[in-house]
Amino acid sequence: MRSARLMKVFVTRRIPPEGRALLAGAADCEVEQWDSDEPIPRKELERGVAGAHGLLCLLTEQVDRTLLDAAGANLKVISTMSVGVDHLALDEIKKRGIRVGYTPDVLTDATAELAVSLLLTTCRRLPEAIEEVKNGGWTAWKPLWMCGHGLTQSTVGIIGLGRIVPTSYLAAESDFIVVSCSLTPATKGLCNKDFFQRMKNTAVLVNISRGDVVNQDDLYQALASGQIAAAGLDVTTPEPLPTNHPLLTLKNCVILPHIGSATHGTRNTMSLLASNNLLAGLRGEPMPSELKL
């Protein structure tokens, strides 16, 4: 039987070793983990969180009123191994006096690297070129074959960097647009038919924020019609994107499986910060990175 002195912690997935080791060494906690790389089924999540004092979750878990009710009155801390918090019902969490930890800053470099990689991969048509090598389409060097758009002397617009440029102006003036803003009611569907109509027909869109910032039906039409040149997406709605989704039929759309922070070092650091946030919150101490509600 679990000692009354121990605080129950529920972890919704296997996490990298540094964070896992930190939790395992916490003498004042009993840690239960969903021991899989795949998302925990909702019923198992509700069962696992019942009676927990702390929850360490990922962006794939919807922490809503129903889950909070399933957790019960013991729940004092939620630590998410993510920067984004759109999966958390923050108003409801605040009402219950639950503290929230998250992992900003530590994945900035990795995500920036991925944004540049995705931008170059898309504008220089690298997936198409690789496929041509594999399928025998590479027959000779040709002056006009596999030409894409270069970054040199271009204008790159970043949505989510600064607050002073109207998105309509940014769309019209940019050769490349990188979407990196948070998902909020104001940004949901921000990149839509009207936005794409303002873009140059040689422009490339890259989304590294959240899938819902881009209206994917409108994006498909813009790409299929040649209204914009190409798009690179590290995030989609839903995730994973169904394999029969229309966007996957387009050569000018590169889609990655949400790997912006996927370096060994970054994911380890994220897990360590998430674990430190959780333990500090449970012990009534300042969290390294607390979301102020």
Protein backbone atom coordinates (compact mmCIF):
# COMPACT_ATOMS: atom_id res chain seq x y z
CA MET A 1 0.00 0.00 0.00
CA ARG A 2 1.23 3.46 -0.87
CA SER A 3 2.47 5.46 2.09
CA ALA A 4 0.36 8.51 2.93
CA ARG A 5 3.53 10.56 2.95
CA LEU A 6 4.22 9.92 -0.71
CA MET A 7 2.76 12.17 -3.40
CA LYS A 8 1.38 10.36 -6.41
CA VAL A 9 2.76 11.50 -9.76
CA PHE A 10 1.34 10.31 -13.07
CA VAL A 11 3.43 10.60 -16.25
CA THR A 12 1.50 10.19 -19.49
CA ARG A 13 4.31 8.80 -21.68
CA ARG A 14 7.86 7.51 -21.68
CA ILE A 15 10.08 10.56 -21.36
CA PRO A 16 13.82 10.99 -22.05
CA PRO A 17 16.24 9.56 -19.50
CA GLU A 18 17.33 12.67 -17.62
CA GLY A 19 13.80 13.64 -16.65
CA ARG A 20 12.86 10.05 -15.90
CA ALA A 21 15.87 9.62 -13.60
CA LEU A 22 15.05 12.79 -11.71
CA LEU A 23 11.53 11.61 -10.98
CA ALA A 24 12.71 8.12 -10.06
CA GLY A 25 15.06 9.63 -7.48
CA ALA A 26 12.36 11.73 -5.78
CA ALA A 27 11.99 10.06 -2.39
CA ASP A 28 8.77 11.95 -1.60
CA CYS A 29 6.93 10.78 -4.72
CA GLU A 30 5.48 7.58 -6.08
CA VAL A 31 5.69 7.74 -9.86
CA GLU A 32 3.37 5.89 -12.22
CA GLN A 33 4.05 6.12 -15.95
CA TRP A 34 2.20 5.09 -19.09
CA ASP A 35 5.00 2.89 -20.37
CA SER A 36 4.70 3.45 -24.10
CA ASP A 37 5.90 5.79 -26.83
CA GLU A 38 2.33 5.98 -28.12
CA PRO A 39 -0.33 8.30 -26.64
CA ILE A 40 -2.23 7.03 -23.66
CA PRO A 41 -5.88 6.11 -24.33
CA ARG A 42 -8.29 8.51 -22.68
CA LYS A 43 -9.77 5.92 -20.30
CA GLU A 44 -6.30 4.93 -19.13
CA LEU A 45 -5.42 8.59 -18.65
CA GLU A 46 -8.49 9.18 -16.50
CA ARG A 47 -7.68 6.07 -14.48
CA GLY A 48 -4.02 6.96 -14.07
CA VAL A 49 -4.58 10.53 -12.97
CA ALA A 50 -7.15 9.63 -10.32
CA GLY A 51 -5.87 10.74 -6.94
CA ALA A 52 -2.65 12.14 -8.36
CA HIS A 53 -0.96 15.12 -6.76
CA GLY A 54 1.06 15.86 -9.89
CA LEU A 55 0.62 15.27 -13.61
CA LEU A 56 3.40 15.36 -16.19
CA CYS A 57 1.81 15.46 -19.62
CA LEU A 58 2.58 16.15 -23.27
CA LEU A 59 0.81 18.35 -25.81
CA THR A 60 -1.16 15.32 -27.02
CA GLU A 61 -3.20 15.08 -23.80
CA GLN A 62 -6.28 17.25 -23.50
CA VAL A 63 -6.37 18.36 -19.88
CA ASP A 64 -9.96 19.52 -19.69
CA ARG A 65 -12.64 19.73 -17.04
CA THR A 66 -13.50 16.04 -17.34
CA LEU A 67 -9.91 14.99 -16.72
CA LEU A 68 -9.53 17.42 -13.85
CA ASP A 69 -12.66 15.95 -12.28
CA ALA A 70 -11.21 12.47 -12.74
CA ALA A 71 -8.01 13.57 -11.01
CA GLY A 72 -9.83 14.90 -7.99
CA ALA A 73 -8.94 17.37 -5.28
CA ASN A 74 -5.39 16.08 -4.73
CA LEU A 75 -4.10 17.51 -8.02
CA LYS A 76 -1.86 20.46 -7.28
CA VAL A 77 0.55 20.62 -10.22
CA ILE A 78 0.41 20.05 -13.97
CA SER A 79 3.73 20.08 -15.78
CA THR A 80 3.60 19.92 -19.57
CA MET A 81 6.64 18.95 -21.59
CA SER A 82 5.89 21.63 -24.18
CA VAL A 83 5.96 25.35 -24.79
CA GLY A 84 2.42 25.42 -26.15
CA VAL A 85 -0.39 25.18 -23.63
CA ASP A 86 -3.41 25.12 -25.94
CA HIS A 87 -4.12 21.54 -24.74
CA LEU A 88 -4.72 22.79 -21.19
CA ALA A 89 -8.05 24.20 -19.99
CA LEU A 90 -6.30 27.10 -18.29
CA ASP A 91 -9.42 28.85 -16.96
CA GLU A 92 -10.61 25.67 -15.28
CA ILE A 93 -7.11 24.92 -13.98
CA LYS A 94 -6.86 28.40 -12.51
CA LYS A 95 -10.24 28.04 -10.77
CA ARG A 96 -8.96 24.96 -8.99
CA GLY A 97 -5.74 26.61 -7.85
CA ILE A 98 -3.53 24.19 -9.77
CA ARG A 99 -0.04 25.37 -10.71
CA VAL A 100 1.23 24.88 -14.26
CA GLY A 101 4.80 24.35 -15.45
CA TYR A 102 5.92 24.42 -19.07
CA THR A 103 9.18 24.34 -21.06
CA PRO A 104 9.90 27.62 -22.85
CA ASP A 105 13.28 28.75 -24.21
CA VAL A 106 15.03 25.35 -24.10
CA LEU A 107 13.73 24.26 -27.52
CA THR A 108 14.17 27.59 -29.32
CA ASP A 109 17.38 26.67 -31.15
CA ALA A 110 16.19 23.24 -32.25
CA THR A 111 12.91 24.62 -33.55
CA ALA A 112 14.68 27.46 -35.36
CA GLU A 113 17.00 24.92 -37.01
CA LEU A 114 14.00 22.92 -38.12
CA ALA A 115 12.28 26.03 -39.50
CA VAL A 116 15.29 26.87 -41.66
CA SER A 117 15.68 23.23 -42.71
CA LEU A 118 12.02 23.01 -43.70
CA LEU A 119 12.17 26.32 -45.53
CA LEU A 120 15.20 25.23 -47.58
CA THR A 121 13.81 21.74 -48.14
CA THR A 122 10.60 23.21 -49.49
CA CYS A 123 11.89 26.08 -51.60
CA ARG A 124 14.68 24.00 -53.18
CA ARG A 125 12.32 21.06 -53.81
CA LEU A 126 14.53 18.53 -52.07
CA PRO A 127 11.93 15.74 -51.61
CA GLU A 128 11.11 15.89 -55.31
CA ALA A 129 14.80 15.78 -56.20
CA ILE A 130 15.45 12.79 -53.96
CA GLU A 131 12.51 10.95 -55.50
CA GLU A 132 13.82 11.65 -59.00
CA VAL A 133 17.13 10.02 -58.05
CA LYS A 134 15.32 6.95 -56.73
CA ASN A 135 12.81 6.50 -59.57
CA GLY A 136 15.17 7.05 -62.49
CA GLY A 137 13.99 10.52 -63.34
CA TRP A 138 17.56 11.83 -63.15
CA THR A 139 18.78 11.34 -66.71
CA ALA A 140 21.19 14.24 -67.21
CA TRP A 141 22.03 17.71 -65.94
CA LYS A 142 19.41 20.08 -67.36
CA PRO A 143 19.44 23.89 -67.08
CA LEU A 144 15.73 24.21 -66.22
CA TRP A 145 15.16 20.96 -64.32
CA MET A 146 14.24 20.94 -60.61
CA CYS A 147 14.69 24.70 -60.19
CA GLY A 148 13.31 26.17 -57.00
CA HIS A 149 13.39 29.51 -55.21
CA GLY A 150 16.50 30.77 -53.41
CA LEU A 151 16.80 32.65 -50.13
CA THR A 152 19.48 35.11 -51.23
CA GLN A 153 18.20 38.72 -51.40
CA SER A 154 14.69 37.57 -50.47
CA THR A 155 12.28 38.95 -47.88
CA VAL A 156 11.37 36.61 -45.04
CA GLY A 157 8.28 37.47 -43.01
CA ILE A 158 7.88 35.89 -39.57
CA ILE A 159 4.45 35.76 -37.98
CA GLY A 160 5.04 35.71 -34.22
CA LEU A 161 8.12 37.92 -34.18
CA GLY A 162 7.17 41.41 -33.04
CA ARG A 163 3.77 43.09 -32.96
CA ILE A 164 3.97 45.98 -35.38
CA VAL A 165 3.58 44.57 -38.92
CA PRO A 166 0.01 43.90 -40.17
CA THR A 167 -0.29 40.37 -41.49
CA SER A 168 -1.83 41.65 -44.73
CA TYR A 169 1.30 43.72 -45.43
CA LEU A 170 3.58 40.85 -44.42
CA ALA A 171 1.73 38.47 -46.75
CA ALA A 172 2.01 40.83 -49.71
CA GLU A 173 5.67 41.76 -49.26
CA SER A 174 7.31 38.48 -48.23
CA ASP A 175 8.97 35.90 -50.43
CA PHE A 176 8.97 33.42 -47.55
CA ILE A 177 6.59 33.40 -44.59
CA VAL A 178 7.37 31.49 -41.38
CA VAL A 179 4.44 31.03 -38.99
CA SER A 180 5.72 30.78 -35.42
CA CYS A 181 2.97 32.41 -33.32
CA SER A 182 1.05 30.82 -30.47
CA LEU A 183 -2.36 29.32 -31.17
CA THR A 184 -5.00 31.60 -29.68
CA PRO A 185 -8.59 32.46 -30.64
CA ALA A 186 -7.14 35.44 -32.54
CA THR A 187 -4.63 33.35 -34.54
CA LYS A 188 -6.81 30.33 -35.31
CA GLY A 189 -7.27 30.21 -39.07
CA LEU A 190 -5.10 33.29 -39.52
CA CYS A 191 -3.57 31.94 -42.73
CA ASN A 192 -6.69 31.52 -44.82
CA LYS A 193 -7.97 32.17 -48.35
CA ASP A 194 -7.70 35.93 -47.98
CA PHE A 195 -4.16 35.64 -46.62
CA PHE A 196 -3.03 33.37 -49.46
CA GLN A 197 -4.58 35.69 -52.06
CA ARG A 198 -2.34 38.48 -50.79
CA MET A 199 0.81 36.37 -51.09
CA LYS A 200 3.07 36.39 -54.13
CA ASN A 201 2.61 33.43 -56.45
CA THR A 202 6.31 32.69 -55.96
CA ALA A 203 6.04 32.76 -52.16
CA VAL A 204 6.61 29.85 -49.77
CA LEU A 205 4.76 29.31 -46.47
CA VAL A 206 6.32 27.43 -43.55
CA ASN A 207 4.34 26.59 -40.40
CA ILE A 208 6.14 25.56 -37.20
CA SER A 209 3.53 26.82 -34.71
CA ARG A 210 0.24 24.88 -34.52
CA GLY A 211 -1.77 23.33 -37.30
CA ASP A 212 -4.93 25.32 -36.56
CA VAL A 213 -3.21 28.62 -37.37
CA VAL A 214 -3.45 27.58 -41.04
CA ASN A 215 -6.74 26.79 -42.78
CA GLN A 216 -5.61 23.61 -44.51
CA ASP A 217 -8.51 23.49 -46.98
CA ASP A 218 -7.64 26.99 -48.16
CA LEU A 219 -3.95 26.08 -48.25
CA TYR A 220 -4.66 23.09 -50.47
CA GLN A 221 -6.55 25.27 -52.94
CA ALA A 222 -3.79 27.89 -52.93
CA LEU A 223 -1.12 25.27 -53.62
CA ALA A 224 -3.09 23.26 -56.17
CA SER A 225 -4.04 26.37 -58.16
CA GLY A 226 -0.55 27.86 -58.14
CA GLN A 227 -1.68 30.84 -56.09
CA ILE A 228 1.42 30.30 -53.92
CA ALA A 229 4.52 28.33 -54.85
CA ALA A 230 4.93 25.87 -51.99
CA ALA A 231 4.39 25.12 -48.31
CA GLY A 232 6.33 23.30 -45.61
CA LEU A 233 4.48 22.15 -42.50
CA ASP A 234 5.87 20.70 -39.29
CA VAL A 235 2.43 20.91 -37.68
CA THR A 236 -1.00 19.91 -38.98
CA THR A 237 -4.60 19.42 -37.94
CA PRO A 238 -5.09 16.68 -36.95
CA GLU A 239 -1.84 15.07 -35.90
CA PRO A 240 -0.99 12.66 -37.31
CA LEU A 241 -2.38 13.80 -40.65
CA PRO A 242 -4.41 11.02 -42.32
CA THR A 243 -2.44 9.40 -45.12
CA ASN A 244 -5.26 10.15 -47.57
CA HIS A 245 -5.27 13.88 -46.85
CA PRO A 246 -5.32 16.00 -50.03
CA LEU A 247 -2.21 17.95 -48.98
CA LEU A 248 -0.18 14.74 -49.21
CA THR A 249 -0.98 14.46 -52.92
CA LEU A 250 0.86 17.71 -53.72
CA LYS A 251 4.50 17.80 -54.78
CA ASN A 252 4.78 21.41 -53.62
CA CYS A 253 3.81 20.62 -50.03
CA VAL A 254 6.38 19.16 -47.61
CA ILE A 255 4.95 17.78 -44.37
CA LEU A 256 6.95 16.65 -41.34
CA PRO A 257 5.60 14.83 -38.24
CA HIS A 258 5.96 17.67 -35.69
CA ILE A 259 9.69 17.24 -35.04
CA GLY A 260 10.66 20.86 -34.33
CA SER A 261 12.27 20.05 -30.97
CA ALA A 262 13.44 16.56 -31.92
CA THR A 263 17.10 16.53 -31.00
CA HIS A 264 18.39 14.23 -28.27
CA GLY A 265 19.76 17.13 -26.27
CA THR A 266 16.65 19.29 -26.53
CA ARG A 267 14.22 16.54 -25.62
CA ASN A 268 16.36 15.54 -22.64
CA THR A 269 16.48 19.16 -21.48
CA MET A 270 12.71 19.48 -21.91
CA SER A 271 12.10 16.37 -19.83
CA LEU A 272 14.44 17.58 -17.12
CA LEU A 273 12.77 20.99 -16.95
CA ALA A 274 9.30 19.43 -16.92
CA SER A 275 10.32 17.11 -14.08
CA ASN A 276 11.92 19.94 -12.11
CA ASN A 277 8.80 22.04 -12.56
CA LEU A 278 6.64 19.21 -11.29
CA LEU A 279 8.74 18.45 -8.22
CA ALA A 280 9.16 22.10 -7.27
CA GLY A 281 5.41 22.65 -7.53
CA LEU A 282 4.63 19.61 -5.40
CA ARG A 283 7.08 20.78 -2.75
CA GLY A 284 5.68 24.30 -2.67
CA GLU A 285 8.84 25.78 -4.16
CA PRO A 286 9.30 28.22 -7.08
CA MET A 287 9.19 26.42 -10.40
CA PRO A 288 12.02 26.99 -12.88
CA SER A 289 9.37 27.79 -15.51
CA GLU A 290 5.88 28.42 -14.19
CA LEU A 291 3.04 29.65 -16.34
CA LYS A 292 1.43 32.49 -14.45
CA LEU A 293 -2.35 32.10 -14.58
